[in-house]
N, C-alpha and C. Protein backbone atom coordinates (compact mmCIF):
# COMPACT_ATOMS: atom_id res chain seq x y z
N MET A 1 -8.05 -7.27 7.15
CA MET A 1 -8.71 -5.94 6.96
C MET A 1 -10.10 -6.40 7.35
N ALA A 2 -10.80 -6.86 7.77
CA ALA A 2 -11.91 -7.92 8.56
C ALA A 2 -13.07 -6.31 8.24
N GLY A 3 -13.87 -6.48 7.68
CA GLY A 3 -15.07 -5.61 8.43
C GLY A 3 -15.54 -5.00 6.78
N GLY A 4 -13.90 -4.51 6.32
CA GLY A 4 -14.39 -3.74 5.23
C GLY A 4 -14.99 -2.45 5.53
N THR A 5 -15.31 -1.82 4.63
CA THR A 5 -15.17 0.35 4.64
C THR A 5 -16.09 0.24 6.16
N ASP A 6 -15.35 1.22 6.36
CA ASP A 6 -16.13 1.97 7.78
C ASP A 6 -16.30 2.95 7.31
N ALA A 7 -17.60 4.13 6.78
CA ALA A 7 -17.35 5.01 6.93
C ALA A 7 -17.16 6.34 7.82
N LEU A 8 -17.33 6.03 9.01
CA LEU A 8 -16.44 6.58 9.77
C LEU A 8 -15.98 6.13 10.54
N ILE A 9 -15.65 6.16 11.12
CA ILE A 9 -14.95 5.54 12.66
C ILE A 9 -14.51 6.39 13.81
N SER A 10 -15.37 5.12 15.03
CA SER A 10 -15.33 6.07 16.08
C SER A 10 -13.49 6.48 16.61
N PRO A 11 -13.82 7.60 17.76
CA PRO A 11 -12.34 8.06 17.87
C PRO A 11 -12.22 6.86 18.92
N ARG A 12 -12.96 6.33 19.33
CA ARG A 12 -12.58 5.19 20.87
C ARG A 12 -11.29 3.84 19.60
N ARG A 13 -11.25 3.63 18.26
CA ARG A 13 -10.46 2.62 17.46
C ARG A 13 -9.70 3.89 16.76
N MET A 14 -9.98 5.17 15.98
CA MET A 14 -8.86 5.06 15.58
C MET A 14 -7.89 6.39 16.53
N ASN A 15 -6.94 5.91 16.10
CA ASN A 15 -6.35 7.35 17.52
C ASN A 15 -5.62 8.33 16.45
N SER A 16 -5.66 9.65 16.67
CA SER A 16 -6.00 10.39 16.02
C SER A 16 -4.59 11.74 15.93
N SER A 17 -3.72 10.85 16.57
CA SER A 17 -2.13 11.57 16.95
C SER A 17 -1.59 10.66 15.92
N PHE A 18 -1.27 9.83 15.47
CA PHE A 18 -1.02 8.55 14.22
C PHE A 18 -1.11 9.44 12.99
N MET A 19 -3.39 9.61 12.93
CA MET A 19 -3.70 9.99 11.51
C MET A 19 -2.84 11.78 11.40
N SER A 20 -2.89 11.77 11.86
CA SER A 20 -1.53 13.62 12.48
C SER A 20 -0.17 13.14 11.75
N ALA A 21 0.56 11.86 12.25
CA ALA A 21 1.44 11.71 11.94
C ALA A 21 1.91 12.18 10.05
N ALA A 22 0.72 10.81 9.83
CA ALA A 22 0.71 9.94 8.40
C ALA A 22 0.63 11.79 7.63
N ILE A 23 -0.50 12.32 7.80
CA ILE A 23 -0.19 14.05 7.65
C ILE A 23 0.99 14.93 7.39
N ASP A 24 1.56 14.59 8.85
CA ASP A 24 2.66 15.76 9.00
C ASP A 24 3.90 14.75 8.12
N LEU A 25 3.40 13.48 7.80
CA LEU A 25 4.88 13.52 6.59
C LEU A 25 4.19 13.76 5.59
N ALA A 26 3.38 14.20 4.92
CA ALA A 26 2.88 14.14 3.63
C ALA A 26 2.76 16.16 3.55
N ARG A 27 2.85 16.22 4.17
CA ARG A 27 3.36 17.53 4.15
C ARG A 27 4.47 17.92 3.88
N ASP A 28 5.21 17.18 5.34
CA ASP A 28 6.89 17.38 4.81
C ASP A 28 7.45 17.30 3.62
N GLY A 29 7.36 15.61 2.87
CA GLY A 29 7.10 15.11 1.87
C GLY A 29 6.73 16.66 1.11
N MET A 30 5.33 16.68 0.35
CA MET A 30 5.27 17.98 -0.71
C MET A 30 5.73 19.18 -0.40
N ARG A 31 5.84 19.20 0.69
CA ARG A 31 7.18 20.88 1.02
C ARG A 31 8.97 20.65 1.01
N ALA A 32 8.62 19.62 0.74
CA ALA A 32 10.20 19.30 0.24
C ALA A 32 10.47 19.05 -0.97
N ASN A 33 8.73 18.75 -1.76
CA ASN A 33 9.68 18.62 -3.33
C ASN A 33 9.78 16.65 -3.65
N ARG A 34 9.55 16.15 -2.75
CA ARG A 34 10.26 14.81 -2.41
C ARG A 34 8.96 14.04 -2.98
N GLY A 35 7.52 14.54 -3.15
CA GLY A 35 6.42 13.78 -4.39
C GLY A 35 4.90 14.71 -3.42
N GLY A 36 4.10 13.21 -3.84
CA GLY A 36 2.66 14.97 -3.59
C GLY A 36 2.41 14.36 -2.43
N PRO A 37 0.87 15.07 -2.25
CA PRO A 37 0.73 15.10 -0.76
C PRO A 37 0.23 13.25 -0.16
N PHE A 38 0.82 13.01 0.31
CA PHE A 38 1.19 11.43 0.88
C PHE A 38 1.43 10.98 2.15
N GLY A 39 1.03 10.44 2.82
CA GLY A 39 1.90 10.10 4.00
C GLY A 39 0.91 9.04 4.65
N ALA A 40 1.97 8.27 4.29
CA ALA A 40 1.65 7.15 6.15
C ALA A 40 2.20 6.07 7.04
N VAL A 41 1.53 6.13 7.70
CA VAL A 41 2.86 5.65 8.94
C VAL A 41 1.77 3.87 9.44
N VAL A 42 2.92 3.38 9.52
CA VAL A 42 2.50 1.43 9.94
C VAL A 42 2.13 1.44 11.40
N VAL A 43 1.33 1.35 12.84
CA VAL A 43 1.44 0.75 14.07
C VAL A 43 0.61 -0.54 14.64
N LYS A 44 2.07 -0.98 15.35
CA LYS A 44 1.30 -2.20 15.53
C LYS A 44 2.04 -1.79 17.87
N GLU A 45 1.06 -2.26 18.02
CA GLU A 45 0.94 -2.22 19.74
C GLU A 45 0.68 -0.29 20.26
N GLY A 46 0.12 0.36 19.14
CA GLY A 46 0.05 1.63 19.50
C GLY A 46 1.39 2.68 19.40
N GLN A 47 2.43 1.74 17.88
CA GLN A 47 3.79 2.19 18.12
C GLN A 47 3.78 2.47 16.61
N ILE A 48 4.73 3.99 17.05
CA ILE A 48 4.98 3.54 15.16
C ILE A 48 6.04 2.68 14.48
N VAL A 49 5.57 2.14 13.35
CA VAL A 49 7.20 1.00 13.03
C VAL A 49 7.55 1.43 11.91
N GLY A 50 6.77 2.06 10.95
CA GLY A 50 6.49 1.88 9.83
C GLY A 50 6.50 4.20 9.51
N ARG A 51 7.38 4.31 8.39
CA ARG A 51 6.69 5.76 7.74
C ARG A 51 7.22 5.65 6.32
N GLY A 52 6.67 6.50 5.98
CA GLY A 52 6.27 7.03 4.02
C GLY A 52 5.88 8.03 3.91
N CYS A 53 6.76 8.65 3.08
CA CYS A 53 5.83 9.71 2.59
C CYS A 53 5.93 9.35 0.86
N ASN A 54 5.23 10.17 0.04
CA ASN A 54 4.71 10.13 -0.99
C ASN A 54 6.73 10.60 -1.99
N GLN A 55 7.62 9.03 -2.81
CA GLN A 55 8.32 9.54 -3.19
C GLN A 55 8.33 9.75 -4.55
N VAL A 56 7.52 9.24 -4.77
CA VAL A 56 7.47 8.59 -6.65
C VAL A 56 8.50 9.76 -7.72
N THR A 57 8.95 11.41 -7.29
CA THR A 57 9.09 12.39 -8.35
C THR A 57 10.14 12.37 -7.67
N SER A 58 10.92 12.41 -6.44
CA SER A 58 11.91 12.78 -6.54
C SER A 58 13.38 11.68 -6.63
N THR A 59 12.62 10.16 -6.59
CA THR A 59 13.59 8.61 -6.44
C THR A 59 13.71 7.97 -8.25
N ASN A 60 12.03 8.68 -9.01
CA ASN A 60 11.88 8.24 -10.64
C ASN A 60 11.45 7.29 -9.65
N ASP A 61 10.75 6.62 -8.61
CA ASP A 61 10.18 5.49 -8.53
C ASP A 61 8.35 5.39 -8.51
N PRO A 62 8.19 5.18 -9.81
CA PRO A 62 6.20 4.93 -9.05
C PRO A 62 5.84 4.48 -8.54
N THR A 63 6.17 3.51 -7.37
CA THR A 63 5.96 2.03 -6.54
C THR A 63 6.82 3.38 -4.97
N ALA A 64 7.02 4.27 -4.77
CA ALA A 64 7.42 4.85 -3.90
C ALA A 64 6.05 5.78 -2.93
N HIS A 65 5.00 5.16 -2.91
CA HIS A 65 3.99 5.16 -2.42
C HIS A 65 4.90 5.93 -0.67
N ALA A 66 3.56 6.73 -0.33
CA ALA A 66 3.68 6.43 0.52
C ALA A 66 3.83 4.72 1.81
N GLU A 67 2.46 4.79 1.04
CA GLU A 67 2.32 3.13 2.01
C GLU A 67 2.55 2.14 1.95
N ILE A 68 3.36 2.05 0.77
CA ILE A 68 4.78 1.05 0.26
C ILE A 68 5.10 1.56 0.65
N LEU A 69 5.82 2.50 1.09
CA LEU A 69 7.24 3.13 1.76
C LEU A 69 7.10 2.89 3.31
N ALA A 70 5.79 2.90 3.74
CA ALA A 70 5.54 2.97 5.43
C ALA A 70 5.59 1.57 5.27
N ILE A 71 5.43 0.54 4.94
CA ILE A 71 5.05 -1.06 4.97
C ILE A 71 6.98 -1.65 4.26
N ARG A 72 7.40 -1.20 3.75
CA ARG A 72 8.54 -1.49 3.48
C ARG A 72 9.68 -1.21 5.06
N GLU A 73 8.40 -0.53 5.43
CA GLU A 73 9.80 0.07 6.45
C GLU A 73 9.50 -0.90 8.46
N ALA A 74 8.33 -0.62 8.57
CA ALA A 74 7.52 -1.64 9.01
C ALA A 74 7.88 -2.97 9.21
N CYS A 75 8.19 -3.59 8.16
CA CYS A 75 8.79 -4.96 8.21
C CYS A 75 10.24 -5.35 8.19
N GLN A 76 11.35 -4.51 7.87
CA GLN A 76 12.41 -4.64 8.09
C GLN A 76 12.62 -3.53 9.56
N GLN A 77 11.96 -3.14 10.09
CA GLN A 77 12.06 -3.16 11.67
C GLN A 77 11.46 -4.07 12.57
N LEU A 78 10.07 -4.43 12.07
CA LEU A 78 9.83 -5.98 12.84
C LEU A 78 10.90 -7.13 12.05
N LYS A 79 11.36 -7.04 11.50
CA LYS A 79 11.64 -8.13 10.84
C LYS A 79 11.30 -9.14 10.38
N THR A 80 10.04 -8.65 9.71
CA THR A 80 9.13 -10.06 8.99
C THR A 80 8.51 -9.17 7.61
N PHE A 81 7.57 -10.06 7.04
CA PHE A 81 7.23 -9.80 5.15
C PHE A 81 5.60 -9.35 6.13
N SER A 82 5.70 -10.27 7.36
CA SER A 82 3.57 -9.96 7.54
C SER A 82 3.56 -8.91 8.38
N LEU A 83 2.73 -8.36 8.14
CA LEU A 83 1.78 -7.06 8.92
C LEU A 83 0.66 -7.40 10.00
N ALA A 84 0.55 -8.67 10.22
CA ALA A 84 -0.88 -8.57 10.80
C ALA A 84 -0.49 -8.57 12.21
N GLY A 85 -1.51 -7.86 12.78
CA GLY A 85 -1.79 -7.29 14.09
C GLY A 85 -1.79 -6.06 14.21
N CYS A 86 -0.89 -5.50 12.63
CA CYS A 86 -0.58 -4.13 12.81
C CYS A 86 -1.67 -3.27 12.18
N GLU A 87 -1.77 -1.70 11.99
CA GLU A 87 -2.82 -0.84 11.20
C GLU A 87 -1.87 0.14 10.28
N LEU A 88 -3.11 0.81 9.27
CA LEU A 88 -2.09 1.77 8.89
C LEU A 88 -2.94 2.89 8.68
N TYR A 89 -2.21 4.34 8.86
CA TYR A 89 -2.22 5.57 8.88
C TYR A 89 -2.21 6.33 7.86
N ALA A 90 -3.66 6.38 6.62
CA ALA A 90 -3.13 7.08 5.60
C ALA A 90 -3.14 8.41 5.79
N SER A 91 -2.90 9.22 4.62
CA SER A 91 -3.76 10.55 4.41
C SER A 91 -4.49 10.86 3.46
N CYS A 92 -5.07 9.81 2.56
CA CYS A 92 -5.93 9.77 1.35
C CYS A 92 -5.83 7.84 1.56
N GLU A 93 -7.12 8.00 0.93
CA GLU A 93 -8.01 7.04 0.59
C GLU A 93 -6.16 5.90 -0.42
N PRO A 94 -5.90 4.42 -0.27
CA PRO A 94 -4.61 4.24 -0.94
C PRO A 94 -5.85 3.69 -1.97
N CYS A 95 -4.18 4.20 -3.51
CA CYS A 95 -4.29 3.61 -4.52
C CYS A 95 -4.57 2.32 -5.13
N PRO A 96 -5.43 2.00 -6.03
CA PRO A 96 -5.22 0.00 -5.71
C PRO A 96 -4.47 -0.76 -6.04
N MET A 97 -2.75 -0.03 -6.13
CA MET A 97 -0.98 -0.42 -6.17
C MET A 97 -1.25 -0.86 -4.33
N CYS A 98 -1.70 0.63 -3.58
CA CYS A 98 -0.86 0.12 -2.44
C CYS A 98 -2.25 -0.85 -1.33
N LEU A 99 -3.15 -0.66 -1.97
CA LEU A 99 -3.84 -1.29 -1.03
C LEU A 99 -3.82 -3.08 -1.99
N ALA A 100 -3.30 -3.66 -2.40
CA ALA A 100 -2.95 -4.75 -3.03
C ALA A 100 -1.55 -5.09 -2.14
N ALA A 101 -0.73 -4.24 -1.94
CA ALA A 101 0.19 -4.72 -0.97
C ALA A 101 -0.20 -4.35 0.68
N ILE A 102 -1.29 -4.17 0.48
CA ILE A 102 -2.16 -3.54 2.37
C ILE A 102 -2.39 -5.25 2.40
N TYR A 103 -3.20 -5.77 1.88
CA TYR A 103 -4.02 -7.16 1.15
C TYR A 103 -2.23 -8.10 1.51
N TRP A 104 -1.32 -7.54 0.69
CA TRP A 104 -0.47 -8.63 0.96
C TRP A 104 0.60 -8.92 2.28
N ALA A 105 0.43 -7.87 2.66
CA ALA A 105 1.41 -7.28 4.01
C ALA A 105 0.42 -8.14 5.60
N ARG A 106 -0.66 -8.28 4.94
CA ARG A 106 -1.90 -8.83 6.11
C ARG A 106 -2.31 -7.78 7.09
N LEU A 107 -2.40 -6.26 6.55
CA LEU A 107 -2.80 -5.34 7.78
C LEU A 107 -3.89 -5.51 8.18
N GLU A 108 -3.65 -5.23 9.19
CA GLU A 108 -5.14 -5.39 9.66
C GLU A 108 -6.67 -5.10 9.42
N ARG A 109 -6.10 -3.01 10.05
CA ARG A 109 -7.22 -1.80 9.72
C ARG A 109 -6.37 -1.07 8.43
N VAL A 110 -7.33 -0.18 7.65
CA VAL A 110 -5.96 0.67 7.65
C VAL A 110 -7.20 2.01 7.43
N TYR A 111 -6.40 2.79 8.00
CA TYR A 111 -7.51 4.62 8.57
C TYR A 111 -7.21 5.41 7.18
N TYR A 112 -7.85 6.85 7.10
CA TYR A 112 -7.52 6.83 5.77
C TYR A 112 -7.83 8.78 6.28
N GLY A 113 -7.58 9.79 5.68
CA GLY A 113 -7.69 10.97 5.52
C GLY A 113 -8.64 11.63 4.88
N CYS A 114 -9.38 11.25 4.06
CA CYS A 114 -9.62 11.64 3.21
C CYS A 114 -9.78 10.34 1.61
N PRO A 115 -11.18 10.62 1.21
CA PRO A 115 -11.79 9.22 0.74
C PRO A 115 -11.05 9.74 -1.41
N CYS A 116 -9.99 8.98 -1.25
CA CYS A 116 -10.15 9.96 -3.30
C CYS A 116 -9.92 10.56 -3.40
N ALA A 117 -8.87 11.64 -3.10
CA ALA A 117 -8.74 13.05 -3.15
C ALA A 117 -7.58 13.07 -4.44
N ALA A 118 -7.08 11.77 -4.57
CA ALA A 118 -6.24 11.89 -5.59
C ALA A 118 -6.34 12.60 -7.19
N ALA A 119 -7.75 12.19 -7.26
CA ALA A 119 -8.18 12.71 -8.72
C ALA A 119 -8.52 14.12 -8.79
N SER A 120 -8.58 14.79 -7.47
CA SER A 120 -8.48 16.69 -7.72
C SER A 120 -7.18 16.77 -7.87
N VAL A 121 -6.04 16.30 -7.17
CA VAL A 121 -5.44 17.03 -7.57
C VAL A 121 -4.13 16.43 -9.45
N ASN A 122 -4.61 15.62 -10.07
CA ASN A 122 -4.55 15.64 -10.95
C ASN A 122 -3.73 14.46 -10.90
N PHE A 123 -4.05 13.03 -9.78
CA PHE A 123 -3.31 11.95 -9.41
C PHE A 123 -4.58 10.91 -9.81
N ASP A 124 -4.49 10.64 -11.41
CA ASP A 124 -5.62 10.00 -11.67
C ASP A 124 -5.40 7.95 -10.95
N ASP A 125 -5.93 7.50 -10.19
CA ASP A 125 -5.62 6.62 -10.24
C ASP A 125 -7.27 5.52 -10.14
N ASP A 126 -7.97 6.81 -11.26
CA ASP A 126 -9.43 6.19 -10.86
C ASP A 126 -9.20 5.27 -11.82
N PHE A 127 -8.47 5.69 -12.71
CA PHE A 127 -8.03 5.03 -14.78
C PHE A 127 -7.93 4.03 -14.04
N ILE A 128 -6.99 3.23 -13.15
CA ILE A 128 -7.07 1.80 -12.69
C ILE A 128 -7.33 0.87 -12.28
N ARG A 129 -8.28 1.42 -11.01
CA ARG A 129 -9.20 1.65 -10.52
C ARG A 129 -10.40 0.55 -11.37
N ARG A 130 -10.93 1.25 -12.79
CA ARG A 130 -11.66 0.88 -13.74
C ARG A 130 -11.26 0.02 -14.62
N GLU A 131 -9.99 0.15 -14.75
CA GLU A 131 -9.02 -1.09 -15.76
C GLU A 131 -9.05 -2.36 -14.81
N LEU A 132 -9.35 -1.62 -13.88
CA LEU A 132 -9.38 -3.65 -12.59
C LEU A 132 -10.52 -4.23 -12.76
N LEU A 133 -11.41 -3.41 -13.40
CA LEU A 133 -13.07 -4.17 -13.28
C LEU A 133 -12.81 -4.66 -15.01
N LEU A 134 -12.88 -4.02 -15.98
CA LEU A 134 -12.53 -4.92 -17.16
C LEU A 134 -11.94 -6.21 -17.43
N PRO A 135 -12.59 -7.23 -18.49
CA PRO A 135 -11.94 -8.48 -18.35
C PRO A 135 -10.87 -8.59 -18.98
N ALA A 136 -9.65 -8.84 -19.07
CA ALA A 136 -8.46 -8.52 -19.11
C ALA A 136 -8.14 -8.40 -21.33
N ALA A 137 -9.30 -9.07 -21.24
CA ALA A 137 -9.01 -8.98 -23.15
C ALA A 137 -9.36 -7.47 -23.27
N SER A 138 -10.25 -6.81 -22.24
CA SER A 138 -10.48 -5.74 -22.49
C SER A 138 -9.73 -4.36 -21.69
N ARG A 139 -8.54 -4.25 -21.83
CA ARG A 139 -7.75 -3.26 -20.91
C ARG A 139 -6.94 -2.87 -21.30
N SER A 140 -6.43 -2.13 -21.58
CA SER A 140 -5.42 -0.91 -22.48
C SER A 140 -3.88 -1.27 -22.35
N LEU A 141 -3.90 -2.13 -21.46
CA LEU A 141 -2.81 -2.49 -21.12
C LEU A 141 -2.66 -4.33 -21.98
N SER A 142 -2.12 -4.09 -22.41
CA SER A 142 -1.75 -6.09 -23.32
C SER A 142 -0.62 -7.21 -22.13
N LEU A 143 -1.88 -7.59 -22.14
CA LEU A 143 -1.20 -8.50 -20.82
C LEU A 143 -0.80 -10.85 -22.16
N GLN A 144 0.60 -10.40 -21.71
CA GLN A 144 0.71 -11.52 -23.71
C GLN A 144 1.22 -12.93 -22.61
N LEU A 145 0.24 -14.41 -22.27
CA LEU A 145 1.28 -15.25 -21.69
C LEU A 145 1.58 -15.61 -22.77
N LEU A 146 3.43 -16.21 -22.62
CA LEU A 146 3.73 -16.54 -23.46
C LEU A 146 4.17 -18.25 -22.69
N ALA A 147 3.65 -19.38 -23.02
CA ALA A 147 3.61 -20.67 -22.05
C ALA A 147 5.14 -21.19 -22.39
N ASP A 148 5.70 -21.31 -21.18
CA ASP A 148 6.82 -21.40 -21.47
C ASP A 148 7.61 -22.69 -20.47
N GLU A 149 7.78 -23.63 -20.62
CA GLU A 149 8.04 -24.85 -20.14
C GLU A 149 9.16 -24.89 -18.60
N GLN A 150 9.87 -23.90 -19.57
CA GLN A 150 11.38 -23.79 -17.52
C GLN A 150 10.24 -22.86 -16.87
N ALA A 151 9.62 -21.62 -17.23
CA ALA A 151 8.82 -20.97 -16.51
C ALA A 151 7.94 -22.06 -15.42
N ALA A 152 7.25 -23.14 -16.41
CA ALA A 152 6.12 -23.70 -15.09
C ALA A 152 7.36 -24.50 -14.52
N ALA A 153 8.34 -25.13 -14.80
CA ALA A 153 9.01 -25.55 -14.32
C ALA A 153 9.67 -25.25 -12.74
N LEU A 154 9.65 -24.08 -13.09
CA LEU A 154 10.07 -23.29 -11.59
C LEU A 154 9.18 -23.69 -10.77
N PHE A 155 7.69 -22.98 -10.84
CA PHE A 155 6.87 -23.26 -9.78
C PHE A 155 6.84 -25.18 -9.33
N ALA A 156 6.66 -25.79 -10.68
CA ALA A 156 7.08 -27.34 -10.11
C ALA A 156 8.02 -27.27 -8.91
N GLU A 157 9.09 -26.76 -9.18
CA GLU A 157 10.39 -26.69 -8.45
C GLU A 157 9.77 -25.93 -7.00
N TRP A 158 9.72 -24.89 -7.06
CA TRP A 158 8.23 -24.26 -5.93
C TRP A 158 8.04 -25.16 -5.01
N ARG A 159 6.94 -25.33 -5.83
CA ARG A 159 6.28 -26.12 -4.65
C ARG A 159 6.70 -27.53 -4.25
N ALA A 160 7.66 -28.59 -4.73
CA ALA A 160 8.42 -29.21 -4.05
C ALA A 160 9.40 -28.56 -3.27
N LYS A 161 9.83 -28.01 -3.21
CA LYS A 161 10.74 -26.94 -2.63
C LYS A 161 10.38 -27.37 -0.57
N ALA A 162 11.59 -28.26 -0.59
CA ALA A 162 11.16 -28.15 1.28
C ALA A 162 11.57 -27.54 2.09
N ASP A 163 12.13 -26.09 1.89
CA ASP A 163 13.23 -25.48 3.35
C ASP A 163 12.98 -24.41 2.78
N LYS A 164 11.16 -24.52 1.81
CA LYS A 164 10.43 -22.42 1.20
C LYS A 164 9.94 -22.11 2.63
N VAL A 165 9.88 -20.72 2.34
CA VAL A 165 9.59 -20.08 3.37
C VAL A 165 7.77 -19.09 2.73
N ALA A 166 7.14 -20.31 3.15
CA ALA A 166 5.99 -19.54 2.34
C ALA A 166 4.99 -18.81 2.77
N TYR A 167 4.38 -17.67 2.04
CA TYR A 167 4.25 -16.69 2.26
C TYR A 167 1.90 -15.56 1.83
């Protein structure tokens, strides 16, 4: 995702039919009570290769966000863990979890329909955004390092593994 956030995207760069597809997924999922009003599609070379709508409440899975599900489907469809060369269209600005997944998937660009509207409908990801800015010791979630020789040995084994698939 080179270039940072574009305030307004030129219609030449964004395909509104892909944004409409993301919004339609969001609407359909919301109306079917699968989850909140969030939808996403992953596009490669002008074709939708992954779709997702929020399914947090219907699957009891807090990670079942539209962007995550669209990324998973695109990776399965393309048989790769790297979505370099792909774009994501989402009905809303991605939350911190989804944004991290977007970086991990190596998507090149993200278009979104509205900025951080989640808080306006009681999906407060602003709390997470604020927490991530704090030093680890000041966060509400306690993270404890348990220095363990077995864990260290596991990572040493990974470094030495000749046939690993690097990512």
